[in-house]
Amino acid sequence: MEIEPAEEVKEPPRIHRLDEPVVNRIAAGEVIQRPVSAVKELVENSLDASSTSISVLVKDGGLKLIQVSDDGHGIRYEDLPILCERHTTSKLSKYEDLQSIKSMGFRGEALASMTYVGHVTVTTITRGQLHGYRVSYRDGVMENEPKACAAVKGTQIVIENLFYNMIARRKTLQNSADDYTKIVDLLSRFAIHHIDVSFSCRKHGAARADVHSVATPSRLNAIRSVYGLLVAQNLIKIEASDHDPSSSVFEMDGFISNSNYVAKKTTMVLFINDRLVECTALKRALEVVYVATLPKASKPFIYMSITLPPEHVDVNVHPTKREVSLLNQEVIVEKMQSVVESVLRNSNESRTFQEQTVEATPSVPSVTNNDLHLSPSPSGSKSQRVPVNKIVRTDSSDPAGRMHAYLYKNPQKYLGRDSSLTTVRSSVRQRRNLKETADLTSIQELINDIDSKCHSDLLDIVRQSTYVGMADDVFALLQHNTHLYLANVVNLSKELMYQQVLRRFAHFNAIQLSEPAPLQELIMLALKEEDLDLESNENDELKKKIAEMNTQLLKQKSEMLEEYFCIFIDSDGNLSRLPILLDQYTPDMDRVPEFVLCLGNDVGEISLYVQGSANGVAWPIIQRVRLMGRPCEQIKSLIVAFIFS
C-alpha cells in the first residue's frame, strides 16, 4: 500500500511596510496621470494666487517641458523648504475647513507628486522684494538652497522630463500631439470661465499661441475669441435657480447651442463653484434633451457655471478633483434638464441659415441686374469663366496670416462698421499692447510729421495685401489684388523701429534680464571690440576711464531712462531691463554692449549742451534704441506688416 506524501502547507505572505519613496511614487501616479493633469494643477494654483495673467509653454506634449508662469502673489521665502512636501498647503488647516473650501487646491499633493515623477524648478518673487528666488526639487525636497535671481512678479514653475522614472507610463504617452490637444482644450475651458484673467498656451518654439485670451467683461466675447465666431453666434443664454432648502439650493447661468449649431461631438464646459469638473449624469440628461428636441441628434455646445453652498459640495471624492459629489444631485439635474428643454423648444420655432457675402474689389467686377439677363450658355449649367488676369490668388480678408491681423487701427474710424471684422481680429493673438503716446511736444511733433508724410496709396496697398515670402535677404514679396510688389525690408525695418519708439515713448513694455549686467563691464566689452590693437596697455587705462565716466553718467540719468525708455539701471550701475520695440521678438543680446556704449556717449554729448533736458536727450537715445531692432529672418514678415500701422 503506497502512502501519498503530505501536501506542503504554504505559509501566507508576510505583510510589510512599503518604503516612503515607493509610497510617494505610487501616489504621484494617481494624482499626475498625464501631462494635462500637471497643467491643470498648476493653473489652479495660479488662480488661487489671484493671478490676472497665466501663460503655459509646452514641449513634446508636456513630457519634456511644462512651464506655467503667473503674476500672482508669489511664494514666501520661508515657505520654499516645505513647498513640495506632501500634505503641505496654505488652503486649510483642519478637516472641517473642507466644508467651506473655496480654493481649488486643498490637499497639498500636486506639487509633491510632480517632484516624484519629474524635475521641478520654481522661480518666485513676492511683493516688496528686490529680487526673486529659484530652487529645484526632487522627491519632495529641495536639491539645494534657494538662489537669489532676477524675477518678474509672480511665480514660474517648470517641470522637465515628466515620468522619466515611469517607463511604462511614458511609453503610453508617446503621442505628444494628443496630449497637447488636451492641454489646449483645458486652457480654453478656463479662459471662457475666468474672464477676468488672461490665458495663453503655445508650443515650445512656436511664434503664435494656440490659446490667447484677454480679460473681458463679456463671457460671450471670451467664447468668441476662444472657440470662434461660428460657435458664439449660435448660443442662447440660459439661467436657472432654486432657493428651496427642502429640495435644492443653486444658481446656474451659461450658454447652450441652438438649432443652427452643428458639431460632431458634444462640448460641455462645467464649473461648479468655479471648479472645472465633469458630471456624467448632467451631461447625459442634456444630451437626451437635444436628441429629442433638435433634428439629426445634433451634438450641443454647453457652458454652465453652477453655484451652490460650499457645504452642499463634496470636493474630496476624486484623486485629480475631476469630479465632485452634490447634495440632492438628482433634483438639480432634473431641474436643469427642464429649463434647457424649455429654452430649446422656444428657440426651435425658426431656424436661420447664414449667407456669406463678399465685398466687391477693383479686381472682381460686381454683378448688376443687367448681368442677370444674359443669354444662357448651351449647356444651361456652366457659369461664365473669369479672365485669368482678374483672378486673385489670395484673399486679404482671410484672417490667417493676412496683413490686417498685424495692423493697428484707430477705433474711432470703425465704430460705424460691421462688428464682424472686430470679432475676427479678437480671435487673432494681439501682437502689441499700444498705449497712449507721451505728452511731450517734441515727440508729438515727430509723430505728426510721420503721419503727414504717409502715402495713402501705399498705405492701402500694405493694408489690403498678403505677405507672400522673402525674395532674397533684402526684398519681400507682397500681393495686392492681382499685383506683386517688392518691399525693401532693410529700409522698412529701420523706419519701423523709429516709429515704434516714438509711438511707445514713455510706455514701453520691458525685457527682464535673467541676471543684472554691470554697465562698466558691458562698455569695456564694446570698447575692446572696437579696438584693433589688443596689446596696448594705454588703451586699457583709457577704456576704464571711459567706462567709469559713462557708467556714472547713465546712473545719474537712470530716472529719466526708466521713465521714458524703460531702461532700468540700479544704484550699483547694473542694467536689468530693456525696452521691447517689437512684440514677440527678442533682439540680439550680443549687441547690448555696443548699445550701452552708444547710449552713454549720446547721453553725455547732449548733456553738455542741454544740461540734462529730457527732450534734448530723447532724440539720440531713440537712434540707439533702433540698434536693438536690427532685422533678422524670423521677424521680416512681421516687419513688413508693422510699418504702415
Foldseek 3Di string as FASTA:
>chain_A
DDDDDDDDDDDDDDDDDDDPLVVLQVLLCFQPVDQLSLVQVVVLVQVVLVFQEWEWEDELLNQFKIKIWTQGQWDDLVCVFQLQAWQDDPQDDDPVVLLQGLRQDDGSSSSVSLQSFWKKKKWTDGPPDPWIWIFIGHNRGTPDRTDTWHDHHGMMMMTGNGRVVPVVSVVVSNNSVVSVVSNLLVQLLLCLPPLSHWYFYPYVPDLFTLDTHHRDPDSLLSCCLNVHDLQSVFKDKFWDADDDVVAFGKTKIWIKGAQQDADDAAAEFEAESNHTADDVLLLVLQLVLQCVQYPPSGHMYIYMYMYGRSNQKAQPDGSSSRHIDGHNVVRVSVVVSVRSNVVRNVRPPDDDDDDDDDDDDPLHDDDDPVNVPDDADPVNPDDDDDDPLSDFPDFQLPPVQHLQLLEDDDVVVPPPDDCVSVSVSSNGHDFDDFDAFDPDPVLVVVLVVVVVPDDVVVLVQLNGWGFDAAPDPFWTWIDGRSDIDTDGLQVLLLLLLLNLLSRCWQPFDKDFDRHWAAQLVLLLVVQCVVDPPNPDPVVVVVSSVLSVQLLVLCLVCQVLCCRTFVFHADNRRTTTMGTDSTGSDFFDPVCVSVLSSQLSVLSVVQCVPVVPDSVSSPVSNSVSSSVRRRDDDVCSSSSSSRRSD
